[in-house]
Amino acid sequence: MQKIYVPPIKSQGIKTKLVEWIKEGVSNIKYDRWIEPFMGTGVVAFNIQPKSVVLCDNNLHLINFYNAVKSKKITAEKVHSFLTSEGKKILQTEGKYYYEVRDRFNDSGNPLDFLFLNRSCFNGMVRFNSKGKFNVPFCRKPNRFQPALVTKISNQIRNISQIINSGNYSFIYQDFSETIKNTNENDIIYCDPPYIGRHTDYYDSWSESNEFFLINFCWRKELFSCFLLG
């Protein structure tokens, strides 16, 4: 098996174990662009590594994070220094500092704070309240940012940055329907929508009506090169 590159932003339901299967499923399909209306972790695109990729999501913070990686405002070195420094404060305050960072992020939306919260919150959830504020509590584990983990996350940033900058990657904040509208017959659309009824791990909830809308929308567009999981 090829090496699987794991993205730095965690999420439940990541398709790490399905990458090889998905890659095999699209291996004989010719396309110009790889389109994802639901980027999520981005693990599939980052490992298949098409020449031209459009990754979209309605979580603005996720898109801002990867655009910062793309522009090299976020680098492996910056992440290593940031998480080492912030991790010490977590230990010194027995986790109370986490809530200072959470308040700071909810005011500024800093992409590095987003990474910090994602890697230190309960179960790696990405959840926001009705006012758009990140509200996941702290995950109380000793040595949350021990050196080995900081190095691992930094290496993930380095790997994904190299992948992004070796191809033509676009990260766009928009609703899935807008993403699909802007496709053409030479694109392949990989859809991995949120699970129906799950309200804990995604920016917005996803209902059965959303699921039917997506399927009918793709059918009306005659998107026969659409790879749909769910």
Protein backbone atom coordinates (compact mmCIF):
# COMPACT_ATOMS: atom_id res chain seq x y z
CA MET A 1 0.00 0.00 0.00
CA GLN A 2 1.09 3.55 -0.66
CA LYS A 3 1.76 5.92 2.21
CA ILE A 4 -1.42 7.62 3.39
CA TYR A 5 -0.99 11.31 4.16
CA VAL A 6 -3.12 12.30 7.15
CA PRO A 7 -4.25 15.96 7.22
CA PRO A 8 -3.57 18.09 10.33
CA ILE A 9 -7.25 18.97 10.97
CA LYS A 10 -9.01 16.06 12.65
CA SER A 11 -12.61 14.99 12.10
CA GLN A 12 -14.67 11.93 12.91
CA GLY A 13 -15.51 9.89 9.85
CA ILE A 14 -12.20 10.58 8.08
CA LYS A 15 -11.85 8.32 5.03
CA THR A 16 -8.20 7.34 5.63
CA LYS A 17 -8.95 3.62 5.35
CA LEU A 18 -11.02 4.10 2.18
CA VAL A 19 -8.50 6.13 0.18
CA GLU A 20 -7.10 3.12 -1.70
CA TRP A 21 -10.60 1.85 -2.53
CA ILE A 22 -11.76 5.27 -3.76
CA LYS A 23 -8.59 5.74 -5.77
CA GLU A 24 -9.13 2.40 -7.48
CA GLY A 25 -12.76 3.32 -8.18
CA VAL A 26 -11.81 6.46 -10.13
CA SER A 27 -8.62 5.18 -11.72
CA ASN A 28 -10.23 4.55 -15.13
CA ILE A 29 -12.20 7.80 -15.26
CA LYS A 30 -10.76 10.66 -17.29
CA TYR A 31 -11.38 14.13 -15.89
CA ASP A 32 -9.86 17.61 -15.84
CA ARG A 33 -10.77 18.69 -12.30
CA TRP A 34 -11.43 16.92 -9.02
CA ILE A 35 -14.32 18.72 -7.25
CA GLU A 36 -15.41 18.28 -3.62
CA PRO A 37 -18.53 20.13 -2.42
CA PHE A 38 -17.84 18.83 1.12
CA MET A 39 -14.13 19.11 1.78
CA GLY A 40 -14.12 17.90 5.38
CA THR A 41 -10.60 16.67 6.10
CA GLY A 42 -9.62 16.63 2.41
CA VAL A 43 -7.85 13.30 2.96
CA VAL A 44 -9.07 11.76 -0.32
CA ALA A 45 -7.92 14.60 -2.58
CA PHE A 46 -4.64 14.98 -0.69
CA ASN A 47 -3.82 11.32 -1.31
CA ILE A 48 -5.17 10.88 -4.85
CA GLN A 49 -3.43 14.14 -5.76
CA PRO A 50 -5.19 15.09 -9.02
CA LYS A 51 -3.55 17.79 -11.13
CA SER A 52 -6.41 20.26 -10.60
CA VAL A 53 -8.46 20.25 -7.40
CA VAL A 54 -11.33 22.41 -6.09
CA LEU A 55 -12.12 21.79 -2.43
CA CYS A 56 -15.17 23.58 -1.01
CA ASP A 57 -16.89 23.69 2.35
CA ASN A 58 -19.36 25.84 4.24
CA ASN A 59 -16.98 25.96 7.22
CA LEU A 60 -15.14 29.24 6.63
CA HIS A 61 -12.50 28.44 9.25
CA LEU A 62 -11.53 25.21 7.51
CA ILE A 63 -11.16 27.00 4.18
CA ASN A 64 -9.20 29.85 5.78
CA PHE A 65 -6.85 27.34 7.38
CA TYR A 66 -5.95 25.60 4.13
CA ASN A 67 -5.65 28.86 2.24
CA ALA A 68 -3.15 29.93 4.92
CA VAL A 69 -1.23 26.69 4.34
CA LYS A 70 -1.35 27.27 0.59
CA SER A 71 -0.02 30.84 0.92
CA LYS A 72 2.59 29.61 3.44
CA LYS A 73 1.30 31.90 6.16
CA ILE A 74 1.11 28.64 8.06
CA THR A 75 4.21 26.44 7.84
CA ALA A 76 5.48 23.38 9.67
CA GLU A 77 7.99 25.53 11.53
CA LYS A 78 5.37 28.07 12.65
CA VAL A 79 3.05 25.30 13.78
CA HIS A 80 5.79 23.59 15.77
CA SER A 81 6.68 26.80 17.58
CA PHE A 82 3.04 27.80 18.16
CA LEU A 83 1.85 24.44 19.51
CA THR A 84 4.92 24.07 21.72
CA SER A 85 4.33 27.48 23.27
CA GLU A 86 0.56 27.11 23.63
CA GLY A 87 0.91 23.54 24.86
CA LYS A 88 3.04 24.67 27.80
CA LYS A 89 0.32 27.12 28.80
CA ILE A 90 -2.24 24.31 28.68
CA LEU A 91 -0.15 22.31 31.15
CA GLN A 92 0.58 25.26 33.41
CA THR A 93 -3.12 26.10 33.74
CA GLU A 94 -4.37 22.50 33.88
CA GLY A 95 -6.38 23.06 30.72
CA LYS A 96 -7.96 26.40 31.64
CA TYR A 97 -5.90 28.19 28.98
CA TYR A 98 -7.84 26.24 26.34
CA TYR A 99 -10.88 28.41 27.02
CA GLU A 100 -8.82 31.59 26.63
CA VAL A 101 -7.76 30.41 23.19
CA ARG A 102 -11.33 29.44 22.36
CA ASP A 103 -12.55 32.95 23.24
CA ARG A 104 -9.68 34.45 21.26
CA PHE A 105 -10.52 32.32 18.23
CA ASN A 106 -14.20 33.23 18.41
CA ASP A 107 -13.18 36.90 18.29
CA SER A 108 -10.47 36.72 15.62
CA GLY A 109 -10.84 33.42 13.71
CA ASN A 110 -7.06 32.89 13.71
CA PRO A 111 -6.26 29.73 11.66
CA LEU A 112 -3.51 28.65 14.09
CA ASP A 113 -5.98 28.88 16.96
CA PHE A 114 -8.37 26.74 14.89
CA LEU A 115 -5.70 24.03 14.62
CA PHE A 116 -4.91 24.32 18.34
CA LEU A 117 -8.55 23.93 19.32
CA ASN A 118 -9.12 21.05 16.91
CA ARG A 119 -6.17 19.13 18.37
CA SER A 120 -7.01 19.80 22.02
CA CYS A 121 -10.80 19.79 22.14
CA PHE A 122 -13.00 16.84 23.05
CA ASN A 123 -12.81 14.06 20.45
CA GLY A 124 -11.51 16.36 17.71
CA MET A 125 -14.98 17.77 17.08
CA VAL A 126 -15.59 20.75 14.81
CA ARG A 127 -18.79 22.18 16.26
CA PHE A 128 -20.23 25.68 16.40
CA ASN A 129 -23.28 27.06 18.17
CA SER A 130 -26.15 28.98 16.57
CA LYS A 131 -24.12 32.20 16.83
CA GLY A 132 -21.22 30.68 14.92
CA LYS A 133 -19.00 30.31 17.99
CA PHE A 134 -16.77 27.27 18.48
CA ASN A 135 -18.14 25.59 21.62
CA VAL A 136 -16.43 22.21 22.04
CA PRO A 137 -15.00 21.66 25.55
CA PHE A 138 -11.41 20.78 26.40
CA CYS A 139 -10.25 17.16 26.23
CA ARG A 140 -8.50 16.49 29.53
CA LYS A 141 -5.52 14.36 28.64
CA PRO A 142 -2.05 14.72 30.21
CA ASN A 143 0.69 16.15 28.00
CA ARG A 144 -1.80 17.12 25.31
CA PHE A 145 0.97 18.73 23.23
CA GLN A 146 3.92 16.56 24.11
CA PRO A 147 6.92 16.97 21.76
CA ALA A 148 6.20 13.79 19.76
CA LEU A 149 2.65 14.93 18.94
CA VAL A 150 3.76 18.47 18.05
CA THR A 151 6.33 17.00 15.67
CA LYS A 152 3.70 14.69 14.16
CA ILE A 153 1.30 17.58 13.51
CA SER A 154 4.12 19.71 12.08
CA ASN A 155 5.06 16.90 9.71
CA GLN A 156 1.42 16.65 8.61
CA ILE A 157 1.49 20.36 7.79
CA ARG A 158 4.72 19.90 5.84
CA ASN A 159 3.36 16.95 3.83
CA ILE A 160 0.04 18.57 2.98
CA SER A 161 1.75 21.87 2.11
CA GLN A 162 4.01 20.08 -0.36
CA ILE A 163 1.01 18.33 -1.93
CA ILE A 164 -0.98 21.57 -2.23
CA ASN A 165 1.90 23.51 -3.76
CA SER A 166 2.83 20.75 -6.20
CA GLY A 167 -0.59 20.90 -7.86
CA ASN A 168 -3.39 23.32 -8.68
CA TYR A 169 -5.46 23.46 -5.50
CA SER A 170 -8.30 25.90 -4.79
CA PHE A 171 -10.06 26.18 -1.43
CA ILE A 172 -13.45 27.89 -1.64
CA TYR A 173 -16.00 28.83 1.01
CA GLN A 174 -19.47 28.16 -0.39
CA ASP A 175 -22.56 25.98 -0.18
CA PHE A 176 -22.42 22.58 -1.87
CA SER A 177 -25.15 23.52 -4.36
CA GLU A 178 -23.07 26.45 -5.63
CA THR A 179 -20.07 24.17 -6.00
CA ILE A 180 -21.99 21.68 -8.11
CA LYS A 181 -23.54 24.43 -10.25
CA ASN A 182 -20.04 25.54 -11.26
CA THR A 183 -18.97 22.16 -12.64
CA ASN A 184 -18.87 20.85 -16.19
CA GLU A 185 -18.81 17.54 -18.02
CA ASN A 186 -15.02 17.26 -17.73
CA ASP A 187 -15.08 17.33 -13.91
CA ILE A 188 -15.39 14.49 -11.42
CA ILE A 189 -17.36 15.33 -8.29
CA TYR A 190 -16.54 13.50 -5.09
CA CYS A 191 -19.37 13.96 -2.57
CA ASP A 192 -18.92 12.92 1.03
CA PRO A 193 -21.74 14.76 2.84
CA PRO A 194 -22.21 14.70 6.63
CA TYR A 195 -24.04 11.77 8.15
CA ILE A 196 -27.80 12.22 8.44
CA GLY A 197 -28.86 13.32 11.90
CA ARG A 198 -25.35 13.92 13.23
CA HIS A 199 -25.06 17.36 14.83
CA THR A 200 -21.75 17.08 16.67
CA ASP A 201 -18.91 17.10 14.17
CA TYR A 202 -19.88 19.37 11.33
CA TYR A 203 -20.34 23.07 10.87
CA ASP A 204 -24.03 22.62 10.12
CA SER A 205 -26.41 19.74 10.73
CA TRP A 206 -27.37 17.51 7.82
CA SER A 207 -30.90 16.17 7.50
CA GLU A 208 -32.64 13.60 5.36
CA SER A 209 -34.13 16.42 3.29
CA ASN A 210 -30.57 17.72 2.64
CA GLU A 211 -29.60 14.24 1.46
CA PHE A 212 -32.53 14.00 -0.97
CA PHE A 213 -31.84 17.51 -2.22
CA LEU A 214 -28.23 16.57 -2.99
CA ILE A 215 -29.21 13.39 -4.84
CA ASN A 216 -31.95 15.12 -6.84
CA PHE A 217 -29.71 18.07 -7.57
CA CYS A 218 -27.03 15.80 -9.01
CA TRP A 219 -29.65 13.89 -11.00
CA ARG A 220 -31.08 17.07 -12.51
CA LYS A 221 -27.59 18.17 -13.48
CA GLU A 222 -27.04 14.71 -15.06
CA LEU A 223 -23.83 14.32 -13.08
CA PHE A 224 -22.95 10.80 -14.05
CA SER A 225 -19.29 11.30 -13.08
CA CYS A 226 -20.27 11.87 -9.48
CA PHE A 227 -18.75 9.69 -6.76
CA LEU A 228 -21.17 9.83 -3.80
CA LEU A 229 -20.55 8.54 -0.29
CA GLY A 230 -22.88 8.94 2.65
